[in-house]
C-alpha atoms as a PDB file:
ATOM      1  CA  UNK A   1      24.104   5.638  20.380  1.00  0.00           C
ATOM      2  CA  UNK A   2      22.408   3.392  17.441  1.00  0.00           C
ATOM      3  CA  UNK A   3      23.257   3.978  13.435  1.00  0.00           C
ATOM      4  CA  UNK A   4      21.469   5.510  11.247  1.00  0.00           C
ATOM      5  CA  UNK A   5      21.973   2.794   9.336  1.00  0.00           C
ATOM      6  CA  UNK A   6      20.593   0.583  12.195  1.00  0.00           C
ATOM      7  CA  UNK A   7      18.113   3.136  12.093  1.00  0.00           C
ATOM      8  CA  UNK A   8      16.972   3.315   8.832  1.00  0.00           C
ATOM      9  CA  UNK A   9      17.097  -1.216   8.566  1.00  0.00           C
ATOM     10  CA  UNK A  10      14.831  -1.521  10.918  1.00  0.00           C
ATOM     11  CA  UNK A  11      11.464   1.462   9.831  1.00  0.00           C
ATOM     12  CA  UNK A  12      12.084  -0.263   6.924  1.00  0.00           C
ATOM     13  CA  UNK A  13      11.554  -3.763   8.496  1.00  0.00           C
ATOM     14  CA  UNK A  14       8.851  -2.199   9.816  1.00  0.00           C
ATOM     15  CA  UNK A  15       7.282  -0.432   6.718  1.00  0.00           C
ATOM     16  CA  UNK A  16       8.643  -4.373   4.347  1.00  0.00           C
ATOM     17  CA  UNK A  17       6.229  -6.093   7.380  1.00  0.00           C
ATOM     18  CA  UNK A  18       2.847  -3.196   7.343  1.00  0.00           C
ATOM     19  CA  UNK A  19       3.135  -3.776   3.644  1.00  0.00           C
ATOM     20  CA  UNK A  20       3.041  -7.199   2.956  1.00  0.00           C
ATOM     21  CA  UNK A  21       0.932  -8.083   6.050  1.00  0.00           C
ATOM     22  CA  UNK A  22      -2.263  -7.467   5.429  1.00  0.00           C
ATOM     23  CA  UNK A  23      -5.244  -8.546   7.721  1.00  0.00           C
ATOM     24  CA  UNK A  24      -7.425 -10.745   7.617  1.00  0.00           C
ATOM     25  CA  UNK A  25     -11.336  -9.376   5.962  1.00  0.00           C
ATOM     26  CA  UNK A  26     -14.379 -10.520   7.144  1.00  0.00           C
ATOM     27  CA  UNK A  27     -17.394 -11.071   4.649  1.00  0.00           C
ATOM     28  CA  UNK A  28     -20.867 -11.700   5.189  1.00  0.00           C
ATOM     29  CA  UNK A  29     -22.206 -13.572   2.072  1.00  0.00           C
ATOM     30  CA  UNK A  30     -24.397 -11.988   0.002  1.00  0.00           C
ATOM     31  CA  UNK A  31     -23.666  -8.512   1.855  1.00  0.00           C
ATOM     32  CA  UNK A  32     -27.625  -7.504   2.468  1.00  0.00           C
ATOM     33  CA  UNK A  33     -28.585 -10.006   0.766  1.00  0.00           C
ATOM     34  CA  UNK A  34     -27.372 -12.094   3.227  1.00  0.00           C
ATOM     35  CA  UNK A  35     -28.309 -16.412   2.716  1.00  0.00           C
ATOM     36  CA  UNK A  36     -31.436 -16.634   1.206  1.00  0.00           C
ATOM     37  CA  UNK A  37     -33.165 -17.683  -2.032  1.00  0.00           C
ATOM     38  CA  UNK A  38     -31.748 -15.421  -4.693  1.00  0.00           C
ATOM     39  CA  UNK A  39     -33.955 -13.576  -5.901  1.00  0.00           C
ATOM     40  CA  UNK A  40     -32.189 -13.451 -10.199  1.00  0.00           C
ATOM     41  CA  UNK A  41     -30.917 -17.134  -8.696  1.00  0.00           C
ATOM     42  CA  UNK A  42     -26.999 -18.307  -8.447  1.00  0.00           C
ATOM     43  CA  UNK A  43     -26.370 -15.197 -10.471  1.00  0.00           C
ATOM     44  CA  UNK A  44     -27.014 -13.385  -7.891  1.00  0.00           C
ATOM     45  CA  UNK A  45     -24.263 -15.096  -5.186  1.00  0.00           C
ATOM     46  CA  UNK A  46     -21.730 -15.433  -8.584  1.00  0.00           C
ATOM     47  CA  UNK A  47     -21.750 -11.910  -9.079  1.00  0.00           C
ATOM     48  CA  UNK A  48     -21.249 -11.419  -5.376  1.00  0.00           C
ATOM     49  CA  UNK A  49     -18.082 -13.245  -5.091  1.00  0.00           C
ATOM     50  CA  UNK A  50     -16.660 -12.565  -8.189  1.00  0.00           C
ATOM     51  CA  UNK A  51     -16.832  -8.297  -6.326  1.00  0.00           C
ATOM     52  CA  UNK A  52     -14.350  -9.731  -3.192  1.00  0.00           C
ATOM     53  CA  UNK A  53     -11.272 -10.853  -3.497  1.00  0.00           C
ATOM     54  CA  UNK A  54     -10.646 -13.547  -1.006  1.00  0.00           C
ATOM     55  CA  UNK A  55      -7.423 -14.138   1.101  1.00  0.00           C
ATOM     56  CA  UNK A  56      -5.710 -16.557   3.301  1.00  0.00           C
ATOM     57  CA  UNK A  57      -7.192 -16.477   7.186  1.00  0.00           C
ATOM     58  CA  UNK A  58     -10.145 -14.086   5.925  1.00  0.00           C
ATOM     59  CA  UNK A  59     -13.648 -15.162   6.632  1.00  0.00           C
ATOM     60  CA  UNK A  60     -16.982 -16.022   5.290  1.00  0.00           C
ATOM     61  CA  UNK A  61     -19.965 -15.140   7.610  1.00  0.00           C
ATOM     62  CA  UNK A  62     -23.074 -17.153   6.821  1.00  0.00           C
ATOM     63  CA  UNK A  63     -26.445 -15.700   8.134  1.00  0.00           C
ATOM     64  CA  UNK A  64     -30.022 -16.099   7.850  1.00  0.00           C
ATOM     65  CA  UNK A  65     -33.148 -16.597   9.105  1.00  0.00           C
ATOM     66  CA  UNK A  66     -35.828 -18.698   8.188  1.00  0.00           C
ATOM     67  CA  UNK A  67     -35.123 -22.460   7.430  1.00  0.00           C
ATOM     68  CA  UNK A  68     -31.108 -22.998   5.646  1.00  0.00           C
ATOM     69  CA  UNK A  69     -28.170 -24.413   6.116  1.00  0.00           C
ATOM     70  CA  UNK A  70     -24.652 -24.468   4.788  1.00  0.00           C
ATOM     71  CA  UNK A  71     -23.060 -27.529   3.200  1.00  0.00           C
ATOM     72  CA  UNK A  72     -18.928 -27.174   2.096  1.00  0.00           C
ATOM     73  CA  UNK A  73     -18.865 -30.171  -0.820  1.00  0.00           C
ATOM     74  CA  UNK A  74     -16.855 -31.091  -3.941  1.00  0.00           C
ATOM     75  CA  UNK A  75     -17.532 -28.813  -6.922  1.00  0.00           C
ATOM     76  CA  UNK A  76     -18.987 -31.858  -7.902  1.00  0.00           C
ATOM     77  CA  UNK A  77     -21.849 -31.619  -5.874  1.00  0.00           C
ATOM     78  CA  UNK A  78     -21.807 -28.641  -6.012  1.00  0.00           C
ATOM     79  CA  UNK A  79     -23.116 -29.159 -10.241  1.00  0.00           C
ATOM     80  CA  UNK A  80     -25.758 -31.452  -9.186  1.00  0.00           C
ATOM     81  CA  UNK A  81     -26.667 -29.511  -5.906  1.00  0.00           C
ATOM     82  CA  UNK A  82     -25.804 -32.697  -4.046  1.00  0.00           C
ATOM     83  CA  UNK A  83     -24.845 -33.020   0.093  1.00  0.00           C
ATOM     84  CA  UNK A  84     -24.739 -36.679   0.016  1.00  0.00           C
ATOM     85  CA  UNK A  85     -20.588 -36.413   0.737  1.00  0.00           C
ATOM     86  CA  UNK A  86     -20.607 -32.378   2.513  1.00  0.00           C
ATOM     87  CA  UNK A  87     -17.139 -32.054   3.839  1.00  0.00           C
ATOM     88  CA  UNK A  88     -19.181 -29.365   6.459  1.00  0.00           C
ATOM     89  CA  UNK A  89     -22.365 -28.408   7.547  1.00  0.00           C
ATOM     90  CA  UNK A  90     -23.732 -25.179   9.468  1.00  0.00           C
ATOM     91  CA  UNK A  91     -27.786 -25.828  10.642  1.00  0.00           C
ATOM     92  CA  UNK A  92     -27.616 -22.049  12.676  1.00  0.00           C
ATOM     93  CA  UNK A  93     -26.598 -18.863  12.171  1.00  0.00           C
ATOM     94  CA  UNK A  94     -24.256 -17.126  11.377  1.00  0.00           C
ATOM     95  CA  UNK A  95     -21.603 -19.662  10.363  1.00  0.00           C
ATOM     96  CA  UNK A  96     -18.032 -17.912  10.076  1.00  0.00           C
ATOM     97  CA  UNK A  97     -15.856 -20.297   8.164  1.00  0.00           C
ATOM     98  CA  UNK A  98     -12.035 -18.837   7.898  1.00  0.00           C
ATOM     99  CA  UNK A  99     -10.508 -19.114   4.759  1.00  0.00           C
ATOM    100  CA  UNK A 100      -7.362 -21.387   5.326  1.00  0.00           C
ATOM    101  CA  UNK A 101      -5.509 -22.684   2.123  1.00  0.00           C
ATOM    102  CA  UNK A 102      -5.611 -20.943  -1.274  1.00  0.00           C
ATOM    103  CA  UNK A 103      -7.696 -23.931  -2.336  1.00  0.00           C
ATOM    104  CA  UNK A 104     -11.578 -22.520  -4.614  1.00  0.00           C
ATOM    105  CA  UNK A 105     -14.308 -23.712  -1.645  1.00  0.00           C
ATOM    106  CA  UNK A 106     -17.851 -24.298  -3.033  1.00  0.00           C
ATOM    107  CA  UNK A 107     -21.361 -23.637  -0.751  1.00  0.00           C
ATOM    108  CA  UNK A 108     -24.426 -24.800  -1.021  1.00  0.00           C
ATOM    109  CA  UNK A 109     -27.228 -24.547   0.872  1.00  0.00           C
ATOM    110  CA  UNK A 110     -29.310 -28.019   1.181  1.00  0.00           C
ATOM    111  CA  UNK A 111     -32.832 -27.460   2.617  1.00  0.00           C
ATOM    112  CA  UNK A 112     -35.120 -28.083  -0.291  1.00  0.00           C
ATOM    113  CA  UNK A 113     -34.593 -27.038  -3.577  1.00  0.00           C
ATOM    114  CA  UNK A 114     -33.521 -24.076  -2.632  1.00  0.00           C
ATOM    115  CA  UNK A 115     -29.831 -25.175  -4.311  1.00  0.00           C
ATOM    116  CA  UNK A 116     -31.046 -26.761  -7.344  1.00  0.00           C
ATOM    117  CA  UNK A 117     -34.073 -24.868  -8.589  1.00  0.00           C
ATOM    118  CA  UNK A 118     -32.885 -21.384  -6.572  1.00  0.00           C
ATOM    119  CA  UNK A 119     -29.898 -21.260  -7.405  1.00  0.00           C
ATOM    120  CA  UNK A 120     -28.213 -20.913  -3.716  1.00  0.00           C
ATOM    121  CA  UNK A 121     -25.045 -21.934  -4.074  1.00  0.00           C
ATOM    122  CA  UNK A 122     -21.916 -19.888  -3.955  1.00  0.00           C
ATOM    123  CA  UNK A 123     -18.199 -20.264  -4.696  1.00  0.00           C
ATOM    124  CA  UNK A 124     -15.342 -18.999  -2.922  1.00  0.00           C
ATOM    125  CA  UNK A 125     -12.105 -18.504  -4.785  1.00  0.00           C
ATOM    126  CA  UNK A 126      -9.102 -17.297  -2.944  1.00  0.00           C
ATOM    127  CA  UNK A 127      -6.375 -15.206  -3.598  1.00  0.00           C
ATOM    128  CA  UNK A 128      -2.553 -15.806  -4.707  1.00  0.00           C
ATOM    129  CA  UNK A 129      -0.860 -13.638  -2.467  1.00  0.00           C
ATOM    130  CA  UNK A 130      -0.041 -11.425  -5.543  1.00  0.00           C
ATOM    131  CA  UNK A 131      -2.459 -12.429  -8.949  1.00  0.00           C
ATOM    132  CA  UNK A 132      -4.014  -9.472  -9.055  1.00  0.00           C
ATOM    133  CA  UNK A 133      -2.988  -6.767  -6.338  1.00  0.00           C
ATOM    134  CA  UNK A 134      -3.584  -4.184  -8.825  1.00  0.00           C
ATOM    135  CA  UNK A 135      -7.149  -5.403  -8.617  1.00  0.00           C
ATOM    136  CA  UNK A 136      -9.773  -2.685  -7.311  1.00  0.00           C
ATOM    137  CA  UNK A 137     -11.802  -4.549  -4.472  1.00  0.00           C
ATOM    138  CA  UNK A 138      -8.450  -4.834  -3.260  1.00  0.00           C
ATOM    139  CA  UNK A 139      -8.131  -1.070  -2.670  1.00  0.00           C
ATOM    140  CA  UNK A 140      -9.097  -0.408   0.988  1.00  0.00           C
ATOM    141  CA  UNK A 141      -6.236  -3.325   2.106  1.00  0.00           C
ATOM    142  CA  UNK A 142      -3.623  -1.916  -0.256  1.00  0.00           C
ATOM    143  CA  UNK A 143      -4.899   1.366   1.044  1.00  0.00           C
ATOM    144  CA  UNK A 144      -4.436   0.563   4.379  1.00  0.00           C
ATOM    145  CA  UNK A 145      -0.626  -0.749   3.768  1.00  0.00           C
ATOM    146  CA  UNK A 146       0.483   1.971   1.090  1.00  0.00           C
ATOM    147  CA  UNK A 147       0.010   4.176   3.809  1.00  0.00           C
ATOM    148  CA  UNK A 148       1.633   2.187   6.539  1.00  0.00           C
ATOM    149  CA  UNK A 149       4.612   1.954   4.227  1.00  0.00           C
ATOM    150  CA  UNK A 150       4.928   6.459   3.780  1.00  0.00           C
ATOM    151  CA  UNK A 151       4.125   6.707   7.922  1.00  0.00           C
ATOM    152  CA  UNK A 152       6.985   4.626   8.107  1.00  0.00           C
ATOM    153  CA  UNK A 153       9.176   6.357   5.532  1.00  0.00           C
ATOM    154  CA  UNK A 154       7.787   9.315   6.253  1.00  0.00           C
ATOM    155  CA  UNK A 155       9.284   8.275  10.339  1.00  0.00           C
ATOM    156  CA  UNK A 156      12.651   7.273   8.930  1.00  0.00           C
ATOM    157  CA  UNK A 157      13.347   9.813   7.063  1.00  0.00           C
ATOM    158  CA  UNK A 158      12.251  12.469  11.051  1.00  0.00           C
ATOM    159  CA  UNK A 159      15.065  10.278  12.815  1.00  0.00           C
ATOM    160  CA  UNK A 160      17.150  10.029  10.331  1.00  0.00           C
ATOM    161  CA  UNK A 161      17.873  13.967   9.483  1.00  0.00           C
ATOM    162  CA  UNK A 162      18.408  13.237  13.951  1.00  0.00           C
ATOM    163  CA  UNK A 163      21.867  12.160  13.474  1.00  0.00           C
END
């Protein structure tokens, strides 16, 4: 027969795994705006990105219609809207990119003056695991994890009470 401590320990391990194992999210760059010439310039994508809490294994999706591209570039090339040394290039929509490290990533549109004059560019900052965990932008993942923790604890108490 399984001991009470062994059963409680098992449930605590599951609870910790659920609490720490947030699922990856998928973000459409610009939300409803998608990847297009922003109506107010680059502030539109800056504001959008600042309301998100990107993590490793999240996916960002660039969706567009019409004539656009996405190039991942260095910070210097981002600042200058230069795509001569791009790190990655996408010319068909949708373009899905999985975030795999805690490195800030820079993306621009390479069509004409879309980046330089019209502001079609975005910076994606990946949060550290413990960086601003209380941030309200992470509320959905945090709510799911707290819910899983409560459920696991309730199950452990339930099984513990019958032994």
